[in-house]
Protein backbone atom coordinates (compact mmCIF):
# COMPACT_ATOMS: atom_id res chain seq x y z
CA MET A 1 -21.56 16.90 17.71
CA GLY A 2 -24.32 19.21 16.17
CA GLY A 3 -27.72 18.33 16.19
CA TRP A 4 -26.73 15.14 17.88
CA LYS A 5 -29.80 14.18 20.89
CA ALA A 6 -28.88 11.62 23.44
CA PRO A 7 -29.24 8.37 23.27
CA PRO A 8 -33.04 6.85 23.94
CA HIS A 9 -31.87 5.89 27.89
CA CYS A 10 -32.08 9.61 28.40
CA MET A 11 -35.13 10.55 26.44
CA PRO A 12 -38.47 10.89 28.04
CA PRO A 13 -40.95 8.32 27.26
CA LEU A 14 -42.32 7.83 23.84
CA ARG A 15 -46.16 7.38 23.44
CA SER A 16 -46.88 5.83 20.21
CA THR A 17 -45.51 2.95 17.34
CA GLN A 18 -44.05 5.83 15.45
CA GLN A 19 -42.19 7.10 18.24
CA ASP A 20 -40.94 3.36 19.02
CA GLY A 21 -39.51 3.56 15.67
CA ILE A 22 -37.88 6.80 16.07
CA ARG A 23 -36.27 5.32 19.31
CA LEU A 24 -35.16 2.22 17.30
CA ARG A 25 -33.30 4.23 14.70
CA ALA A 26 -31.77 6.71 17.55
CA ARG A 27 -30.50 3.93 19.26
CA VAL A 28 -28.85 2.60 16.15
CA LEU A 29 -27.48 5.85 15.56
CA TYR A 30 -25.85 6.20 19.21
CA PHE A 31 -24.05 2.58 18.89
CA VAL A 32 -22.62 3.42 15.09
CA ARG A 33 -21.77 6.77 16.39
CA ALA A 34 -19.76 4.83 19.46
CA ARG A 35 -18.33 2.60 16.87
CA ARG A 36 -17.15 5.24 15.12
CA ALA A 37 -15.59 6.82 17.78
CA ARG A 38 -13.85 4.01 18.58
CA ILE A 39 -12.51 3.57 15.27
CA GLU A 40 -11.26 6.88 14.96
CA ARG A 41 -9.14 6.39 17.88
CA MET A 42 -7.72 3.04 16.94
CA THR A 43 -7.23 4.24 13.10
CA ARG A 44 -3.34 4.86 11.91
CA LYS A 45 -2.92 7.38 9.19
CA LEU A 46 -1.18 6.44 6.11
CA VAL A 47 0.16 8.25 3.07
CA ILE A 48 0.44 5.47 0.07
CA ASP A 49 3.25 5.92 -2.55
CA CYS A 50 2.38 3.50 -5.19
CA ALA A 51 2.82 2.94 -9.09
CA PRO A 52 -0.44 0.80 -9.47
CA GLY A 53 0.00 -1.88 -11.36
CA ILE A 54 -1.97 -4.75 -10.04
CA ASP A 55 -0.53 -5.61 -7.13
CA ASP A 56 -0.07 -1.75 -6.13
CA ALA A 57 -3.78 -1.58 -6.97
CA LEU A 58 -5.03 -4.79 -4.58
CA ALA A 59 -2.96 -3.06 -1.69
CA LEU A 60 -4.13 0.35 -2.26
CA MET A 61 -7.88 -0.99 -2.36
CA ILE A 62 -7.20 -3.24 0.69
CA ALA A 63 -6.01 0.17 2.82
CA LEU A 64 -8.94 2.15 1.52
CA LEU A 65 -11.58 -0.31 2.24
CA GLU A 66 -9.82 -0.87 5.97
CA PRO A 67 -11.40 0.81 8.71
CA GLU A 68 -8.68 0.90 10.87
CA LEU A 69 -6.28 2.70 8.45
CA ASP A 70 -6.69 6.21 7.64
CA VAL A 71 -5.43 7.06 4.17
CA VAL A 72 -4.66 10.77 4.28
CA ALA A 73 -3.12 10.77 0.62
CA VAL A 74 -1.76 8.40 -2.14
CA THR A 75 0.89 9.46 -4.10
CA ALA A 76 1.63 8.19 -8.02
CA THR A 77 5.22 7.27 -8.78
CA GLU A 78 6.11 5.54 -12.07
CA GLY A 79 7.98 2.30 -12.07
CA SER A 80 6.14 -0.81 -12.62
CA VAL A 81 4.12 1.63 -15.18
CA PRO A 82 4.71 4.83 -16.60
CA ALA A 83 3.98 8.16 -14.66
CA GLU A 84 1.18 9.11 -16.57
CA THR A 85 -0.50 5.25 -16.06
CA ALA A 86 0.12 5.85 -12.55
CA ASN A 87 -1.29 9.06 -12.19
CA ARG A 88 -4.40 7.86 -13.71
CA ASN A 89 -4.82 4.75 -12.02
CA VAL A 90 -4.58 6.11 -8.53
CA ARG A 91 -7.74 8.11 -9.56
CA ALA A 92 -9.49 5.20 -10.77
CA ILE A 93 -8.82 3.26 -8.13
CA ILE A 94 -10.11 5.85 -5.67
CA GLU A 95 -13.05 6.66 -7.70
CA THR A 96 -14.05 2.68 -7.80
CA VAL A 97 -13.48 2.11 -4.06
CA ASP A 98 -15.04 5.49 -3.50
CA PRO A 99 -13.83 5.54 0.56
CA LEU A 100 -15.89 7.40 3.11
CA ARG A 101 -12.83 9.99 3.22
CA LEU A 102 -11.07 10.87 -0.14
CA PRO A 103 -7.71 11.16 0.42
CA ARG A 104 -5.40 13.81 -1.45
CA ILE A 105 -3.67 12.82 -4.38
CA GLY A 106 -0.22 13.39 -5.25
CA THR A 107 0.99 12.74 -8.78
CA ALA A 108 3.88 11.39 -10.72
CA SER A 109 6.57 12.90 -13.33
CA THR A 110 8.17 11.20 -15.58
CA LEU A 111 11.81 10.76 -14.87
CA GLU A 112 15.23 10.69 -16.86
CA ASP A 113 17.64 8.23 -17.46
CA ARG A 114 15.57 5.62 -15.75
CA PRO A 115 15.52 1.85 -16.95
CA HIS A 116 13.38 0.82 -19.41
CA LEU A 117 10.54 -1.44 -18.22
CA ASP A 118 7.93 -2.66 -20.44
CA LEU A 119 5.63 -4.61 -18.08
CA ARG A 120 2.52 -4.53 -20.24
CA ARG A 121 2.75 -8.39 -20.78
CA ILE A 122 2.31 -8.67 -16.75
CA TYR A 123 -0.47 -5.78 -15.94
CA GLY A 124 -1.67 -5.17 -19.44
CA ASP A 125 -1.62 -1.78 -21.66
CA ASP A 126 -3.11 0.20 -18.68
CA GLY A 127 -1.55 -1.30 -15.79
CA LEU A 128 -4.91 -3.01 -14.50
CA GLY A 129 -5.03 -6.10 -16.79
CA ASN A 130 -7.31 -4.01 -19.51
CA ALA A 131 -9.79 -3.20 -16.76
CA GLY A 132 -10.58 -0.14 -18.88
CA ILE A 133 -12.02 2.00 -16.02
CA PRO A 134 -13.18 5.70 -16.87
CA VAL A 135 -11.73 8.06 -14.88
CA ALA A 136 -12.29 11.89 -14.41
CA ARG A 137 -9.25 14.09 -14.64
CA LEU A 138 -8.14 16.25 -11.70
CA HIS A 139 -9.05 20.14 -11.89
CA GLN A 140 -5.76 21.00 -9.70
CA GLU A 141 -2.72 18.31 -9.64
CA HIS A 142 -0.23 18.81 -7.11
CA PRO A 143 3.21 16.96 -7.28
CA SER A 144 3.47 13.70 -4.99
CA GLU A 145 6.65 14.83 -3.27
CA LYS A 146 4.94 18.05 -1.79
CA ILE A 147 1.99 16.03 -0.73
CA LEU A 148 4.03 13.64 1.30
CA CYS A 149 5.61 17.03 2.96
CA ASP A 150 2.53 18.35 3.42
CA GLU A 151 0.89 15.56 5.10
CA ILE A 152 4.05 14.41 7.28
CA ARG A 153 4.04 17.96 8.56
CA ALA A 154 0.47 18.08 9.15
CA ALA A 155 0.67 15.17 11.65
CA PRO A 156 4.27 14.81 13.27
CA GLY A 157 4.94 11.75 14.51
CA GLU A 158 1.93 10.30 13.36
CA VAL A 159 2.23 9.27 9.79
CA THR A 160 3.53 6.33 8.48
CA VAL A 161 4.89 6.33 4.84
CA VAL A 162 3.98 3.07 2.75
CA CYS A 163 5.99 2.70 -0.35
CA LEU A 164 4.75 0.05 -2.90
CA GLY A 165 6.95 1.50 -5.52
CA PRO A 166 10.25 3.16 -6.03
CA LEU A 167 11.43 5.20 -3.58
CA THR A 168 11.63 8.39 -5.75
CA ASN A 169 8.88 10.53 -3.90
CA LEU A 170 10.22 9.81 -0.61
CA ALA A 171 13.68 10.43 -1.11
CA GLY A 172 12.92 13.63 -2.83
CA ALA A 173 10.73 14.72 0.22
CA LEU A 174 13.47 14.26 2.47
CA LYS A 175 15.98 15.83 0.24
CA ARG A 176 13.81 18.71 0.14
CA GLU A 177 13.19 18.89 3.60
CA PRO A 178 15.46 17.10 5.80
CA ASP A 179 13.99 17.78 8.80
CA LEU A 180 11.05 15.45 7.57
CA ALA A 181 13.14 12.19 9.01
CA ARG A 182 12.22 13.11 12.80
CA LEU A 183 8.70 14.15 11.89
CA VAL A 184 7.40 10.68 10.28
CA HIS A 185 6.41 7.71 12.39
CA ARG A 186 7.67 5.05 10.13
CA ILE A 187 8.59 3.97 6.71
CA VAL A 188 7.36 0.70 5.55
CA ILE A 189 8.88 -0.39 2.20
CA ALA A 190 7.92 -3.07 -0.19
CA GLY A 191 11.28 -4.04 -2.10
CA GLY A 192 14.81 -5.58 -1.98
CA THR A 193 15.63 -8.93 -1.44
CA LEU A 194 17.27 -10.70 1.18
CA ASP A 195 18.55 -13.86 -0.91
CA GLY A 196 19.82 -12.23 -3.25
CA ILE A 197 17.13 -13.40 -5.90
CA GLY A 198 15.44 -10.65 -7.88
CA ASP A 199 12.78 -10.45 -10.42
CA VAL A 200 13.19 -7.86 -13.18
CA ALA A 201 17.29 -8.35 -12.80
CA PRO A 202 19.24 -11.42 -11.43
CA VAL A 203 20.00 -10.02 -8.00
CA SER A 204 17.37 -6.78 -7.98
CA GLU A 205 13.73 -6.46 -7.28
CA LEU A 206 12.07 -4.07 -9.55
CA ASN A 207 11.62 -0.81 -7.05
CA MET A 208 14.99 -0.68 -6.33
CA TYR A 209 16.50 -1.38 -9.32
CA TYR A 210 14.32 1.43 -10.91
CA ASP A 211 15.74 4.36 -8.94
CA PRO A 212 18.75 2.77 -6.93
CA ASP A 213 19.92 6.35 -5.80
CA ALA A 214 16.53 7.18 -4.41
CA ALA A 215 16.32 3.66 -2.27
CA ARG A 216 20.08 4.54 -0.87
CA THR A 217 18.74 7.60 -0.02
CA VAL A 218 15.74 6.48 2.13
CA PHE A 219 17.98 3.70 3.45
CA ARG A 220 20.39 5.76 4.41
CA SER A 221 18.33 8.58 5.94
CA PRO A 222 17.80 9.00 9.87
CA THR A 223 14.32 7.23 10.17
CA THR A 224 12.73 4.17 11.39
CA LYS A 225 11.88 1.57 8.45
CA THR A 226 10.42 -1.68 7.78
CA LEU A 227 11.75 -3.51 4.77
CA LEU A 228 9.36 -6.10 3.49
CA PRO A 229 11.65 -7.74 0.90
CA LEU A 230 10.46 -9.88 -1.99
CA CYS A 231 11.72 -13.29 -0.42
CA ALA A 232 9.38 -12.39 2.31
CA ALA A 233 6.46 -12.52 -0.26
CA ARG A 234 7.96 -15.54 -1.53
CA LYS A 235 6.58 -17.28 1.75
CA VAL A 236 2.98 -16.40 1.07
CA PRO A 237 2.22 -17.99 -2.14
CA LEU A 238 -1.52 -17.97 -3.08
CA PRO A 239 -2.43 -21.10 -5.22
CA PRO A 240 -5.52 -21.36 -7.61
CA ASP A 241 -7.85 -21.39 -4.89
CA VAL A 242 -7.50 -17.68 -4.73
CA LEU A 243 -10.04 -17.72 -7.27
CA ASN A 244 -12.70 -19.42 -5.39
CA HIS A 245 -12.49 -16.39 -2.47
CA LEU A 246 -13.29 -13.81 -4.91
CA PRO A 247 -16.07 -11.10 -4.09
CA ASN A 248 -19.03 -10.98 -5.94
CA ASP A 249 -20.00 -8.41 -8.53
CA SER A 250 -22.34 -5.93 -6.43
CA THR A 251 -20.04 -3.09 -6.38
CA PRO A 252 -17.62 -1.46 -7.97
CA ALA A 253 -14.73 -2.65 -6.24
CA GLY A 254 -15.87 -6.31 -6.26
CA ARG A 255 -16.31 -6.09 -9.73
CA LEU A 256 -12.51 -4.61 -10.46
CA VAL A 257 -11.26 -7.57 -7.82
CA ARG A 258 -12.84 -9.88 -10.26
CA HIS A 259 -11.17 -8.84 -12.87
CA LEU A 260 -7.61 -7.92 -11.71
CA ILE A 261 -7.05 -11.48 -9.70
CA PRO A 262 -7.70 -13.72 -12.51
CA ALA A 263 -5.53 -11.17 -14.88
CA PHE A 264 -2.64 -11.70 -12.89
CA PHE A 265 -2.76 -15.07 -12.34
CA ARG A 266 -2.74 -15.55 -16.00
CA ALA A 267 0.20 -13.16 -16.60
CA PHE A 268 2.07 -15.51 -13.69
CA ARG A 269 1.08 -18.79 -15.56
CA GLN A 270 1.89 -17.50 -19.07
CA HIS A 271 5.04 -15.47 -18.31
CA HIS A 272 6.56 -16.61 -15.08
CA GLY A 273 5.23 -20.51 -15.47
CA LEU A 274 3.86 -20.24 -11.91
CA GLU A 275 0.77 -21.91 -10.74
CA HIS A 276 0.12 -19.16 -7.99
CA LEU A 277 0.46 -15.38 -7.32
CA LEU A 278 2.81 -13.49 -5.06
CA LEU A 279 0.97 -10.26 -3.90
CA HIS A 280 4.30 -8.30 -2.51
CA ARG A 281 2.43 -4.97 -2.23
CA ALA A 282 -0.70 -6.14 -0.69
CA LEU A 283 1.67 -8.09 2.14
CA THR A 284 2.69 -4.89 2.86
CA ILE A 285 -0.41 -3.52 4.18
CA VAL A 286 -0.86 -7.00 6.02
CA ALA A 287 2.47 -6.06 7.81
CA VAL A 288 0.93 -2.55 9.09
CA LEU A 289 -2.19 -4.06 10.02
CA HIS A 290 -1.10 -7.24 11.91
CA PRO A 291 2.94 -6.70 12.76
CA ASP A 292 2.90 -9.77 15.04
CA TRP A 293 2.57 -11.64 11.81
CA PHE A 294 5.83 -10.88 10.29
CA GLY A 295 8.96 -11.54 12.30
CA THR A 296 11.72 -9.13 11.80
CA ARG A 297 15.39 -8.60 12.47
CA GLU A 298 17.49 -5.54 12.94
CA MET A 299 19.73 -5.30 10.43
CA ALA A 300 22.56 -2.92 8.18
CA GLY A 301 21.32 -2.62 4.48
CA ASP A 302 22.12 -0.66 1.80
CA VAL A 303 21.43 -0.32 -2.25
CA GLU A 304 24.20 -0.73 -4.73
CA PRO A 305 23.56 2.51 -7.13
CA CYS A 306 25.41 1.16 -10.09
CA GLY A 307 26.88 -2.07 -11.25
CA GLU A 308 27.15 -3.97 -14.95
CA LEU A 309 25.50 -6.72 -12.83
CA THR A 310 24.26 -5.43 -9.76
CA THR A 311 22.27 -2.43 -9.89
CA GLY A 312 19.63 -2.03 -7.13
CA ALA A 313 20.83 -4.96 -5.28
CA THR A 314 20.05 -4.58 -1.41
CA ILE A 315 23.17 -5.46 0.72
CA PHE A 316 23.07 -6.40 4.06
CA ASP A 317 25.85 -6.43 6.52
CA ARG A 318 25.32 -9.66 8.18
CA ARG A 319 28.73 -10.66 9.37
CA GLN A 320 29.43 -11.81 13.04
CA ALA A 321 30.98 -8.51 13.52
CA ALA A 322 29.30 -5.91 11.29
CA ALA A 323 30.88 -2.84 10.46
CA TRP A 324 27.66 -1.38 9.79
CA ARG A 325 25.34 0.07 12.12
CA ALA A 326 21.48 -1.11 11.93
CA ASN A 327 19.27 0.71 10.03
CA MET A 328 16.30 -1.38 9.51
CA GLU A 329 14.13 -3.63 10.64
CA VAL A 330 13.75 -6.49 7.70
CA VAL A 331 10.71 -9.26 7.50
CA VAL A 332 12.44 -12.63 7.80
CA ASP A 333 9.60 -14.87 8.55
CA VAL A 334 5.54 -14.65 7.84
CA ARG A 335 3.05 -16.52 9.42
CA ALA A 336 1.87 -17.46 6.12
CA PRO A 337 -1.48 -19.10 6.85
CA SER A 338 -2.86 -16.43 8.68
CA VAL A 339 -1.70 -13.97 6.17
CA ARG A 340 -3.72 -15.70 3.24
CA ASP A 341 -6.76 -16.28 5.11
CA PHE A 342 -6.82 -12.70 5.86
CA LEU A 343 -6.61 -11.55 2.18
CA TYR A 344 -9.05 -14.09 1.09
CA ALA A 345 -11.61 -12.50 3.65
CA THR A 346 -10.40 -9.34 2.87
CA PHE A 347 -11.08 -10.03 -1.02
CA HIS A 348 -14.53 -11.85 -0.39
CA ARG A 349 -15.72 -8.56 1.74
CA MET A 350 -15.18 -6.19 -1.09
CA GLY A 351 -18.40 -7.35 -2.81
């Protein structure tokens, strides 16, 4: 609090117009700092693990600009895009948003024996719809797995890890330091399916399919978990009207959103034959902010690590007398109008 003066009502009388201006500025500063103090008490610490991709990029931008979230670190993983592209895009998004507090950055490594997924027709050559954002290189790089371990240990019981991509980094951190499981506050995962309808494979969602062994490790870990499956995201389609809620181009973030959403919409129309968008990863950030908009059910879930047709399938024991013990809460319903209105308003504010 060094250098801060008492609010105007505690000051001696002022005698001139110039001093009246000082009084007004002091009053404004007082209320700004009071509001900042309230926000600091409300904020939740997040580590966002992602593979940006357009959807991941929009989710990350929402989180970085949300005053109720304290994004302490962003860790890159490969999945929707290769590792080097993920690393570059994490830096590009953070530099574009330029948040008040810069998060630590973790870098992804290329994985061996992973399925070959070429999603450039959806995300463009650079993963961001060919936005062509210039980005500076990091002088010092730290592996994502290490950043996860550091940030969870730095604030035991306070950090929520939001996994927007494959669960490679988190699984590696839990294997490296098993006691992290009791130190992390909650894990929120975008991934899997409850209805057996996949995206990159008939019954498997991308994040589970890309690294099913890692997904199984996280699912089976003694952590508090929330899963937002693909079928929940399908409950909130964004129609063409989303294009009427884009921000203006007065800020770098606004210009990027004005590029990303139309590019993603075109990809959905051309390659999926759909006249709407699904923003699975962005919904996951909304679920962190407004959990009351998402109906959940305690379930016992696992991931199929290998199979001729079922690699990466999420399996839930929903029998009347289930043999598996519930290990996560799964989003089964969404208050779609509230989520849609929130996304529209948030996109608009980015300009």
